[in-house]
C-alpha cells in the first residue's frame, strides 16, 4: 500500500503517567504521520518536560502550549480539538503537504503497531468512508476486555477523518459528546462511518472516568439533553446504566439529564442534528417495543 499523508492531534492535560506509552506507540507506527500536534492544556504534573523533549527529538512533532484551565471533557475539550485540527491543516499547507486524513488520539491511549495502516487501508478501500475509528481495549488485572459498541459509530479518542468530510462538517463541533455529533454531521453529508474491532487501542482508564465515574455519567446525562435525545430513549439508557456495574452510574446519568430539564438549559443549535437524533431514536424505540410485544 502506498504511504498516505495524515496528521494526528492530541489534547493533553496532566498525562505524565500515560505519555511515555502513547509516544512509544505513535513513533513506532508502521506508517508514521506527517505531523503530530499535541495541545498541552496547562499541565502541571511534569508533562511539560516530556513534551519539550519530544518536540526537540522529532521534527514532525509540535506542541501548542495552552493556558492553565480546569479539566473539562465537554466544550473546552471540543474547542481544543477543533483548534488543533484547524491549526494542523494550516501547518500542513505551510509545509506544502496535502494531508488526506486527520486523526484524533487521546493521551490515555496506546496503539497497536499497525493502527493507522489498518485504518488507512479501510479508507482507501471505501471512498465513501468519512469517519472511522479503532476499538478500545481495557487491560486490568491481566484481563483484556473489548469495549462494546455499534460498528457504525466511531468512538472519540481513536478516530480518523477523511479531510474532505471534516471540512464539510466545518471542523469538530463545539458540543457535549462532540464525537457523536461529528458522526451525525458526517452521515447527514452523505459519508459512511465505521468502527473497526480489529484496529485496537488500549485505554489506560475507563471511558468517562478521568474526573470520576459519577461526574462522567452526570455529564453524559447533560449531553443527551443538550443534543435533544428523545425522552423515551433517555429512559432506556437510564435503565441500562442502572443495571450496569457500578450501579450508581444510572443515578448520576439521570441526575445530569433531569437537572438540565429543570433548569431549561439551551440545546445544540444545529437543528439538523437534533432532527436526526429524534428520528433515529424513534426507530430504536419502535424496534425495542416491537420485540417486547
C-alpha atoms as a PDB file:
ATOM      1  CA  UNK A   1       0.000   0.000   0.000  1.00  0.00           C
ATOM      2  CA  UNK A   2       1.270   3.478  -0.801  1.00  0.00           C
ATOM      3  CA  UNK A   3       2.043   5.703   2.143  1.00  0.00           C
ATOM      4  CA  UNK A   4      -0.749   8.202   2.757  1.00  0.00           C
ATOM      5  CA  UNK A   5      -0.317  11.624   4.358  1.00  0.00           C
ATOM      6  CA  UNK A   6      -2.148  12.093   7.618  1.00  0.00           C
ATOM      7  CA  UNK A   7      -1.720  14.075  10.797  1.00  0.00           C
ATOM      8  CA  UNK A   8      -2.648  13.479  14.426  1.00  0.00           C
ATOM      9  CA  UNK A   9      -3.890  15.868  17.102  1.00  0.00           C
ATOM     10  CA  UNK A  10      -3.814  15.010  20.802  1.00  0.00           C
ATOM     11  CA  UNK A  11      -5.156  17.063  23.720  1.00  0.00           C
ATOM     12  CA  UNK A  12      -3.030  16.583  26.830  1.00  0.00           C
ATOM     13  CA  UNK A  13      -3.584  17.650  30.429  1.00  0.00           C
ATOM     14  CA  UNK A  14      -1.597  16.109  33.285  1.00  0.00           C
ATOM     15  CA  UNK A  15      -0.849  12.849  31.497  1.00  0.00           C
ATOM     16  CA  UNK A  16       2.710  12.289  32.749  1.00  0.00           C
ATOM     17  CA  UNK A  17       1.977   8.637  33.552  1.00  0.00           C
ATOM     18  CA  UNK A  18       0.377   7.940  30.162  1.00  0.00           C
ATOM     19  CA  UNK A  19       2.509   9.936  27.730  1.00  0.00           C
ATOM     20  CA  UNK A  20       5.548   7.583  27.529  1.00  0.00           C
ATOM     21  CA  UNK A  21       3.456   4.624  26.341  1.00  0.00           C
ATOM     22  CA  UNK A  22       1.429   6.774  23.938  1.00  0.00           C
ATOM     23  CA  UNK A  23       4.585   8.311  22.470  1.00  0.00           C
ATOM     24  CA  UNK A  24       6.222   4.916  22.016  1.00  0.00           C
ATOM     25  CA  UNK A  25       3.150   3.605  20.186  1.00  0.00           C
ATOM     26  CA  UNK A  26       2.967   6.642  17.850  1.00  0.00           C
ATOM     27  CA  UNK A  27       6.622   6.911  16.858  1.00  0.00           C
ATOM     28  CA  UNK A  28       6.744   3.163  16.157  1.00  0.00           C
ATOM     29  CA  UNK A  29       3.694   3.067  13.880  1.00  0.00           C
ATOM     30  CA  UNK A  30       4.165   1.141  10.639  1.00  0.00           C
ATOM     31  CA  UNK A  31       3.092   4.354   8.869  1.00  0.00           C
ATOM     32  CA  UNK A  32       4.042   7.476  10.806  1.00  0.00           C
ATOM     33  CA  UNK A  33       2.138  10.770  10.395  1.00  0.00           C
ATOM     34  CA  UNK A  34       3.416  13.808   8.561  1.00  0.00           C
ATOM     35  CA  UNK A  35       2.608  15.810  11.708  1.00  0.00           C
ATOM     36  CA  UNK A  36       1.651  15.106  15.312  1.00  0.00           C
ATOM     37  CA  UNK A  37       0.267  18.214  17.007  1.00  0.00           C
ATOM     38  CA  UNK A  38      -0.123  17.978  20.790  1.00  0.00           C
ATOM     39  CA  UNK A  39      -2.116  20.596  22.681  1.00  0.00           C
ATOM     40  CA  UNK A  40      -0.691  20.926  26.203  1.00  0.00           C
ATOM     41  CA  UNK A  41      -3.677  22.178  28.176  1.00  0.00           C
ATOM     42  CA  UNK A  42      -1.851  23.790  31.091  1.00  0.00           C
ATOM     43  CA  UNK A  43      -0.336  20.612  32.513  1.00  0.00           C
ATOM     44  CA  UNK A  44       1.259  20.924  35.966  1.00  0.00           C
ATOM     45  CA  UNK A  45       2.452  17.354  36.574  1.00  0.00           C
ATOM     46  CA  UNK A  46       5.651  17.122  34.539  1.00  0.00           C
ATOM     47  CA  UNK A  47       4.023  16.577  31.156  1.00  0.00           C
ATOM     48  CA  UNK A  48       5.696  19.814  30.005  1.00  0.00           C
ATOM     49  CA  UNK A  49       9.176  18.303  30.298  1.00  0.00           C
ATOM     50  CA  UNK A  50       8.220  15.160  28.382  1.00  0.00           C
ATOM     51  CA  UNK A  51       6.602  17.181  25.605  1.00  0.00           C
ATOM     52  CA  UNK A  52       9.504  19.612  25.345  1.00  0.00           C
ATOM     53  CA  UNK A  53      11.991  16.760  24.970  1.00  0.00           C
ATOM     54  CA  UNK A  54       9.719  15.086  22.429  1.00  0.00           C
ATOM     55  CA  UNK A  55       9.444  18.201  20.276  1.00  0.00           C
ATOM     56  CA  UNK A  56      13.231  18.560  20.295  1.00  0.00           C
ATOM     57  CA  UNK A  57      13.800  14.940  19.305  1.00  0.00           C
ATOM     58  CA  UNK A  58      11.289  14.691  16.428  1.00  0.00           C
ATOM     59  CA  UNK A  59      10.883  17.426  13.798  1.00  0.00           C
ATOM     60  CA  UNK A  60       7.379  16.164  12.874  1.00  0.00           C
ATOM     61  CA  UNK A  61       6.045  16.567  16.426  1.00  0.00           C
ATOM     62  CA  UNK A  62       4.860  20.018  17.512  1.00  0.00           C
ATOM     63  CA  UNK A  63       3.380  21.217  20.813  1.00  0.00           C
ATOM     64  CA  UNK A  64       0.873  24.014  21.399  1.00  0.00           C
ATOM     65  CA  UNK A  65       1.154  25.479  24.880  1.00  0.00           C
ATOM     66  CA  UNK A  66      -2.319  26.301  26.173  1.00  0.00           C
ATOM     67  CA  UNK A  67      -3.174  28.290  29.274  1.00  0.00           C
ATOM     68  CA  UNK A  68      -3.855  26.618  32.596  1.00  0.00           C
ATOM     69  CA  UNK A  69      -7.509  25.594  32.623  1.00  0.00           C
ATOM     70  CA  UNK A  70      -9.749  23.287  34.614  1.00  0.00           C
ATOM     71  CA  UNK A  71     -10.156  19.823  33.088  1.00  0.00           C
ATOM     72  CA  UNK A  72     -13.355  19.806  31.058  1.00  0.00           C
ATOM     73  CA  UNK A  73     -14.274  16.940  28.746  1.00  0.00           C
ATOM     74  CA  UNK A  74     -17.153  18.761  27.053  1.00  0.00           C
ATOM     75  CA  UNK A  75     -16.991  22.228  25.482  1.00  0.00           C
ATOM     76  CA  UNK A  76     -13.417  23.080  26.460  1.00  0.00           C
ATOM     77  CA  UNK A  77     -12.151  19.757  25.131  1.00  0.00           C
ATOM     78  CA  UNK A  78     -14.107  20.234  21.884  1.00  0.00           C
ATOM     79  CA  UNK A  79     -12.649  23.712  21.377  1.00  0.00           C
ATOM     80  CA  UNK A  80      -9.122  22.383  21.897  1.00  0.00           C
ATOM     81  CA  UNK A  81      -9.659  19.598  19.372  1.00  0.00           C
ATOM     82  CA  UNK A  82     -11.245  21.931  16.814  1.00  0.00           C
ATOM     83  CA  UNK A  83      -8.476  24.500  17.223  1.00  0.00           C
ATOM     84  CA  UNK A  84      -5.799  21.806  16.926  1.00  0.00           C
ATOM     85  CA  UNK A  85      -7.346  20.258  13.809  1.00  0.00           C
ATOM     86  CA  UNK A  86      -7.606  23.613  12.057  1.00  0.00           C
ATOM     87  CA  UNK A  87      -4.072  24.576  13.124  1.00  0.00           C
ATOM     88  CA  UNK A  88      -2.701  21.260  11.847  1.00  0.00           C
ATOM     89  CA  UNK A  89      -4.364  21.745   8.446  1.00  0.00           C
ATOM     90  CA  UNK A  90      -2.713  25.175   8.159  1.00  0.00           C
ATOM     91  CA  UNK A  91       0.669  23.770   9.230  1.00  0.00           C
ATOM     92  CA  UNK A  92       0.462  21.054   6.578  1.00  0.00           C
ATOM     93  CA  UNK A  93      -0.392  23.654   3.940  1.00  0.00           C
ATOM     94  CA  UNK A  94       2.615  25.738   5.047  1.00  0.00           C
ATOM     95  CA  UNK A  95       4.794  22.621   4.610  1.00  0.00           C
ATOM     96  CA  UNK A  96       3.327  22.321   1.095  1.00  0.00           C
ATOM     97  CA  UNK A  97       1.979  18.913   2.098  1.00  0.00           C
ATOM     98  CA  UNK A  98      -1.560  17.853   1.270  1.00  0.00           C
ATOM     99  CA  UNK A  99      -2.802  15.690   4.140  1.00  0.00           C
ATOM    100  CA  UNK A 100      -5.676  13.476   3.129  1.00  0.00           C
ATOM    101  CA  UNK A 101      -6.610  12.313   6.621  1.00  0.00           C
ATOM    102  CA  UNK A 102      -6.777  13.736  10.129  1.00  0.00           C
ATOM    103  CA  UNK A 103      -6.701  11.710  13.343  1.00  0.00           C
ATOM    104  CA  UNK A 104      -7.659  12.429  16.941  1.00  0.00           C
ATOM    105  CA  UNK A 105      -5.888  10.292  19.534  1.00  0.00           C
ATOM    106  CA  UNK A 106      -6.441  10.915  23.240  1.00  0.00           C
ATOM    107  CA  UNK A 107      -3.452  10.955  25.576  1.00  0.00           C
ATOM    108  CA  UNK A 108      -4.562   7.892  27.554  1.00  0.00           C
ATOM    109  CA  UNK A 109      -4.349   5.560  24.544  1.00  0.00           C
ATOM    110  CA  UNK A 110      -1.711   3.056  23.456  1.00  0.00           C
ATOM    111  CA  UNK A 111      -1.975   1.996  19.805  1.00  0.00           C
ATOM    112  CA  UNK A 112      -1.138  -1.283  18.154  1.00  0.00           C
ATOM    113  CA  UNK A 113       1.759  -1.007  15.683  1.00  0.00           C
ATOM    114  CA  UNK A 114      -0.409  -1.153  12.535  1.00  0.00           C
ATOM    115  CA  UNK A 115      -3.235   1.014  13.906  1.00  0.00           C
ATOM    116  CA  UNK A 116      -3.043   3.697  11.217  1.00  0.00           C
ATOM    117  CA  UNK A 117      -2.021   1.305   8.471  1.00  0.00           C
ATOM    118  CA  UNK A 118      -5.244  -0.633   9.040  1.00  0.00           C
ATOM    119  CA  UNK A 119      -7.437   2.483   9.154  1.00  0.00           C
ATOM    120  CA  UNK A 120      -5.835   3.918   6.026  1.00  0.00           C
ATOM    121  CA  UNK A 121      -6.391   0.631   4.211  1.00  0.00           C
ATOM    122  CA  UNK A 122     -10.115   0.814   5.001  1.00  0.00           C
ATOM    123  CA  UNK A 123     -10.322   4.429   3.844  1.00  0.00           C
ATOM    124  CA  UNK A 124      -8.602   3.592   0.575  1.00  0.00           C
ATOM    125  CA  UNK A 125     -10.895   0.605   0.053  1.00  0.00           C
ATOM    126  CA  UNK A 126     -14.060   2.665   0.567  1.00  0.00           C
ATOM    127  CA  UNK A 127     -14.084   6.177  -0.978  1.00  0.00           C
ATOM    128  CA  UNK A 128     -17.346   6.996   0.868  1.00  0.00           C
ATOM    129  CA  UNK A 129     -15.862   6.332   4.298  1.00  0.00           C
ATOM    130  CA  UNK A 130     -15.733   9.706   6.052  1.00  0.00           C
ATOM    131  CA  UNK A 131     -15.031   8.852   9.694  1.00  0.00           C
ATOM    132  CA  UNK A 132     -13.531   5.700  11.139  1.00  0.00           C
ATOM    133  CA  UNK A 133     -12.109   4.583  14.454  1.00  0.00           C
ATOM    134  CA  UNK A 134     -10.470   1.668  16.113  1.00  0.00           C
ATOM    135  CA  UNK A 135     -11.935  -0.039  19.163  1.00  0.00           C
ATOM    136  CA  UNK A 136     -10.937   0.315  22.810  1.00  0.00           C
ATOM    137  CA  UNK A 137      -9.419  -2.472  24.852  1.00  0.00           C
ATOM    138  CA  UNK A 138      -9.162  -2.229  28.644  1.00  0.00           C
ATOM    139  CA  UNK A 139      -6.466  -4.279  30.340  1.00  0.00           C
ATOM    140  CA  UNK A 140      -6.993  -4.547  34.071  1.00  0.00           C
ATOM    141  CA  UNK A 141      -5.900  -7.366  36.401  1.00  0.00           C
ATOM    142  CA  UNK A 142      -4.353  -9.189  33.434  1.00  0.00           C
ATOM    143  CA  UNK A 143      -7.765  -9.413  31.740  1.00  0.00           C
ATOM    144  CA  UNK A 144      -8.294  -7.709  28.362  1.00  0.00           C
ATOM    145  CA  UNK A 145     -11.822  -6.520  27.573  1.00  0.00           C
ATOM    146  CA  UNK A 146     -13.004  -5.089  24.262  1.00  0.00           C
ATOM    147  CA  UNK A 147     -15.431  -2.192  24.773  1.00  0.00           C
ATOM    148  CA  UNK A 148     -18.738  -2.965  23.097  1.00  0.00           C
ATOM    149  CA  UNK A 149     -20.427  -0.603  20.692  1.00  0.00           C
ATOM    150  CA  UNK A 150     -22.149  -0.351  17.329  1.00  0.00           C
ATOM    151  CA  UNK A 151     -19.837  -0.825  14.360  1.00  0.00           C
ATOM    152  CA  UNK A 152     -21.306   2.231  12.593  1.00  0.00           C
ATOM    153  CA  UNK A 153     -20.449   4.611  15.466  1.00  0.00           C
ATOM    154  CA  UNK A 154     -16.761   5.620  15.535  1.00  0.00           C
ATOM    155  CA  UNK A 155     -15.575   6.426  19.049  1.00  0.00           C
ATOM    156  CA  UNK A 156     -13.958   9.663  20.139  1.00  0.00           C
ATOM    157  CA  UNK A 157     -10.312   9.257  21.096  1.00  0.00           C
ATOM    158  CA  UNK A 158      -9.249   6.748  18.427  1.00  0.00           C
ATOM    159  CA  UNK A 159     -10.716   8.314  15.313  1.00  0.00           C
ATOM    160  CA  UNK A 160      -9.719   9.419  11.841  1.00  0.00           C
ATOM    161  CA  UNK A 161     -11.500  11.629   9.313  1.00  0.00           C
ATOM    162  CA  UNK A 162     -11.133  11.988   5.600  1.00  0.00           C
ATOM    163  CA  UNK A 163     -10.171  15.667   5.343  1.00  0.00           C
ATOM    164  CA  UNK A 164     -12.970  16.362   2.838  1.00  0.00           C
ATOM    165  CA  UNK A 165     -15.516  15.016   5.321  1.00  0.00           C
ATOM    166  CA  UNK A 166     -14.018  17.020   8.191  1.00  0.00           C
ATOM    167  CA  UNK A 167     -14.204  20.233   6.166  1.00  0.00           C
ATOM    168  CA  UNK A 168     -17.797  19.572   5.107  1.00  0.00           C
ATOM    169  CA  UNK A 169     -18.640  19.136   8.791  1.00  0.00           C
ATOM    170  CA  UNK A 170     -16.980  22.525   9.449  1.00  0.00           C
ATOM    171  CA  UNK A 171     -14.475  21.049  11.848  1.00  0.00           C
ATOM    172  CA  UNK A 172     -15.011  19.468  15.222  1.00  0.00           C
ATOM    173  CA  UNK A 173     -18.368  20.607  16.681  1.00  0.00           C
ATOM    174  CA  UNK A 174     -18.277  22.624  19.906  1.00  0.00           C
ATOM    175  CA  UNK A 175     -20.687  20.455  21.838  1.00  0.00           C
ATOM    176  CA  UNK A 176     -21.163  17.876  24.502  1.00  0.00           C
ATOM    177  CA  UNK A 177     -20.208  14.460  23.062  1.00  0.00           C
ATOM    178  CA  UNK A 178     -18.695  16.217  20.090  1.00  0.00           C
ATOM    179  CA  UNK A 179     -17.517  12.924  18.608  1.00  0.00           C
ATOM    180  CA  UNK A 180     -21.125  11.710  18.354  1.00  0.00           C
ATOM    181  CA  UNK A 181     -22.227  14.997  16.799  1.00  0.00           C
ATOM    182  CA  UNK A 182     -19.345  14.708  14.340  1.00  0.00           C
ATOM    183  CA  UNK A 183     -20.625  11.253  13.336  1.00  0.00           C
ATOM    184  CA  UNK A 184     -24.100  12.670  12.714  1.00  0.00           C
ATOM    185  CA  UNK A 185     -22.755  15.560  10.635  1.00  0.00           C
ATOM    186  CA  UNK A 186     -20.757  13.124   8.506  1.00  0.00           C
ATOM    187  CA  UNK A 187     -23.846  10.965   7.959  1.00  0.00           C
ATOM    188  CA  UNK A 188     -26.021  13.961   7.080  1.00  0.00           C
ATOM    189  CA  UNK A 189     -23.415  14.953   4.474  1.00  0.00           C
ATOM    190  CA  UNK A 190     -23.603  11.519   2.862  1.00  0.00           C
ATOM    191  CA  UNK A 191     -20.490   9.904   4.348  1.00  0.00           C
ATOM    192  CA  UNK A 192     -20.240   6.456   5.886  1.00  0.00           C
ATOM    193  CA  UNK A 193     -18.969   5.986   9.441  1.00  0.00           C
ATOM    194  CA  UNK A 194     -17.360   2.884  10.873  1.00  0.00           C
ATOM    195  CA  UNK A 195     -15.732   1.411  13.984  1.00  0.00           C
ATOM    196  CA  UNK A 196     -13.342  -1.493  13.417  1.00  0.00           C
ATOM    197  CA  UNK A 197     -12.916  -4.156  16.081  1.00  0.00           C
ATOM    198  CA  UNK A 198      -9.666  -5.394  14.541  1.00  0.00           C
ATOM    199  CA  UNK A 199      -7.970  -1.978  14.917  1.00  0.00           C
ATOM    200  CA  UNK A 200      -7.098  -1.714  18.587  1.00  0.00           C
ATOM    201  CA  UNK A 201      -6.110   0.913  21.091  1.00  0.00           C
ATOM    202  CA  UNK A 202      -5.507   0.140  24.758  1.00  0.00           C
ATOM    203  CA  UNK A 203      -7.099   2.736  27.039  1.00  0.00           C
ATOM    204  CA  UNK A 204      -5.490   3.129  30.431  1.00  0.00           C
ATOM    205  CA  UNK A 205      -8.657   4.288  32.154  1.00  0.00           C
ATOM    206  CA  UNK A 206     -12.349   3.665  31.667  1.00  0.00           C
ATOM    207  CA  UNK A 207     -14.237   5.992  29.315  1.00  0.00           C
ATOM    208  CA  UNK A 208     -15.807   8.942  31.201  1.00  0.00           C
ATOM    209  CA  UNK A 209     -13.687   8.236  34.287  1.00  0.00           C
ATOM    210  CA  UNK A 210     -10.987  10.932  34.003  1.00  0.00           C
ATOM    211  CA  UNK A 211     -12.806  13.035  36.620  1.00  0.00           C
ATOM    212  CA  UNK A 212     -14.537  10.123  38.334  1.00  0.00           C
ATOM    213  CA  UNK A 213     -17.399   7.981  37.097  1.00  0.00           C
ATOM    214  CA  UNK A 214     -20.065   9.968  38.964  1.00  0.00           C
ATOM    215  CA  UNK A 215     -19.176  13.203  37.159  1.00  0.00           C
ATOM    216  CA  UNK A 216     -18.519  11.401  33.888  1.00  0.00           C
ATOM    217  CA  UNK A 217     -22.018   9.884  33.732  1.00  0.00           C
ATOM    218  CA  UNK A 218     -23.657  13.057  35.008  1.00  0.00           C
ATOM    219  CA  UNK A 219     -22.107  14.823  32.010  1.00  0.00           C
ATOM    220  CA  UNK A 220     -23.481  12.049  29.775  1.00  0.00           C
ATOM    221  CA  UNK A 221     -26.973  12.960  31.006  1.00  0.00           C
ATOM    222  CA  UNK A 222     -26.349  16.650  30.378  1.00  0.00           C
ATOM    223  CA  UNK A 223     -25.020  15.787  26.932  1.00  0.00           C
ATOM    224  CA  UNK A 224     -28.078  13.757  25.945  1.00  0.00           C
ATOM    225  CA  UNK A 225     -30.330  16.657  26.957  1.00  0.00           C
ATOM    226  CA  UNK A 226     -28.159  19.142  25.036  1.00  0.00           C
ATOM    227  CA  UNK A 227     -28.325  17.007  21.875  1.00  0.00           C
ATOM    228  CA  UNK A 228     -32.127  16.739  22.260  1.00  0.00           C
ATOM    229  CA  UNK A 229     -32.341  12.979  22.712  1.00  0.00           C
ATOM    230  CA  UNK A 230     -35.845  11.506  22.748  1.00  0.00           C
ATOM    231  CA  UNK A 231     -37.091  11.197  26.390  1.00  0.00           C
ATOM    232  CA  UNK A 232     -38.043   7.515  25.951  1.00  0.00           C
ATOM    233  CA  UNK A 233     -34.601   6.764  24.575  1.00  0.00           C
ATOM    234  CA  UNK A 234     -33.096   8.522  27.597  1.00  0.00           C
ATOM    235  CA  UNK A 235     -35.255   6.336  29.857  1.00  0.00           C
ATOM    236  CA  UNK A 236     -33.938   3.197  28.157  1.00  0.00           C
ATOM    237  CA  UNK A 237     -30.364   4.374  28.672  1.00  0.00           C
ATOM    238  CA  UNK A 238     -31.121   5.188  32.317  1.00  0.00           C
ATOM    239  CA  UNK A 239     -32.408   1.655  32.925  1.00  0.00           C
ATOM    240  CA  UNK A 240     -29.403   0.168  31.145  1.00  0.00           C
ATOM    241  CA  UNK A 241     -26.972   2.123  33.322  1.00  0.00           C
ATOM    242  CA  UNK A 242     -28.882   1.223  36.490  1.00  0.00           C
ATOM    243  CA  UNK A 243     -28.311  -2.439  35.645  1.00  0.00           C
ATOM    244  CA  UNK A 244     -24.612  -1.909  34.895  1.00  0.00           C
ATOM    245  CA  UNK A 245     -21.778  -2.028  37.416  1.00  0.00           C
ATOM    246  CA  UNK A 246     -21.144   0.227  39.267  1.00  0.00           C
ATOM    247  CA  UNK A 247     -24.898   0.689  39.607  1.00  0.00           C
ATOM    248  CA  UNK A 248     -24.774   4.306  40.766  1.00  0.00           C
ATOM    249  CA  UNK A 249     -23.869   5.483  37.250  1.00  0.00           C
ATOM    250  CA  UNK A 250     -27.582   5.279  36.371  1.00  0.00           C
ATOM    251  CA  UNK A 251     -28.428   7.719  39.149  1.00  0.00           C
ATOM    252  CA  UNK A 252     -25.637  10.030  38.025  1.00  0.00           C
ATOM    253  CA  UNK A 253     -26.834   9.914  34.409  1.00  0.00           C
ATOM    254  CA  UNK A 254     -30.454  10.605  35.437  1.00  0.00           C
ATOM    255  CA  UNK A 255     -29.343  13.467  37.677  1.00  0.00           C
ATOM    256  CA  UNK A 256     -27.481  15.171  34.822  1.00  0.00           C
ATOM    257  CA  UNK A 257     -30.420  14.859  32.425  1.00  0.00           C
ATOM    258  CA  UNK A 258     -33.168  15.915  34.860  1.00  0.00           C
ATOM    259  CA  UNK A 259     -31.153  18.858  36.177  1.00  0.00           C
ATOM    260  CA  UNK A 260     -30.798  20.117  32.607  1.00  0.00           C
ATOM    261  CA  UNK A 261     -34.554  19.715  32.031  1.00  0.00           C
ATOM    262  CA  UNK A 262     -35.496  21.580  35.218  1.00  0.00           C
ATOM    263  CA  UNK A 263     -33.049  24.402  34.515  1.00  0.00           C
ATOM    264  CA  UNK A 264     -34.304  24.652  30.905  1.00  0.00           C
ATOM    265  CA  UNK A 265     -30.766  24.737  29.579  1.00  0.00           C
ATOM    266  CA  UNK A 266     -30.007  25.593  25.964  1.00  0.00           C
ATOM    267  CA  UNK A 267     -29.793  22.789  23.411  1.00  0.00           C
ATOM    268  CA  UNK A 268     -27.491  22.359  20.447  1.00  0.00           C
ATOM    269  CA  UNK A 269     -28.244  24.944  17.760  1.00  0.00           C
ATOM    270  CA  UNK A 270     -27.652  22.506  14.890  1.00  0.00           C
ATOM    271  CA  UNK A 271     -31.273  21.748  14.064  1.00  0.00           C
ATOM    272  CA  UNK A 272     -30.338  19.092  11.509  1.00  0.00           C
ATOM    273  CA  UNK A 273     -28.512  17.176  14.252  1.00  0.00           C
ATOM    274  CA  UNK A 274     -31.458  17.422  16.642  1.00  0.00           C
ATOM    275  CA  UNK A 275     -33.863  16.222  13.942  1.00  0.00           C
ATOM    276  CA  UNK A 276     -31.567  13.341  13.023  1.00  0.00           C
ATOM    277  CA  UNK A 277     -31.289  12.238  16.659  1.00  0.00           C
ATOM    278  CA  UNK A 278     -35.054  12.309  17.238  1.00  0.00           C
ATOM    279  CA  UNK A 279     -35.829  10.334  14.073  1.00  0.00           C
ATOM    280  CA  UNK A 280     -33.134   7.762  14.789  1.00  0.00           C
ATOM    281  CA  UNK A 281     -34.315   7.305  18.376  1.00  0.00           C
ATOM    282  CA  UNK A 282     -37.920   6.814  17.274  1.00  0.00           C
ATOM    283  CA  UNK A 283     -36.720   3.948  15.086  1.00  0.00           C
ATOM    284  CA  UNK A 284     -34.831   2.402  18.014  1.00  0.00           C
ATOM    285  CA  UNK A 285     -37.753   2.825  20.408  1.00  0.00           C
ATOM    286  CA  UNK A 286     -40.206   1.269  17.941  1.00  0.00           C
ATOM    287  CA  UNK A 287     -37.837  -1.644  17.387  1.00  0.00           C
ATOM    288  CA  UNK A 288     -37.362  -2.143  21.142  1.00  0.00           C
ATOM    289  CA  UNK A 289     -41.073  -2.232  21.941  1.00  0.00           C
ATOM    290  CA  UNK A 290     -41.885  -4.390  18.901  1.00  0.00           C
ATOM    291  CA  UNK A 291     -39.527  -7.019  20.328  1.00  0.00           C
ATOM    292  CA  UNK A 292     -41.266  -6.808  23.699  1.00  0.00           C
ATOM    293  CA  UNK A 293     -44.750  -7.243  22.257  1.00  0.00           C
END
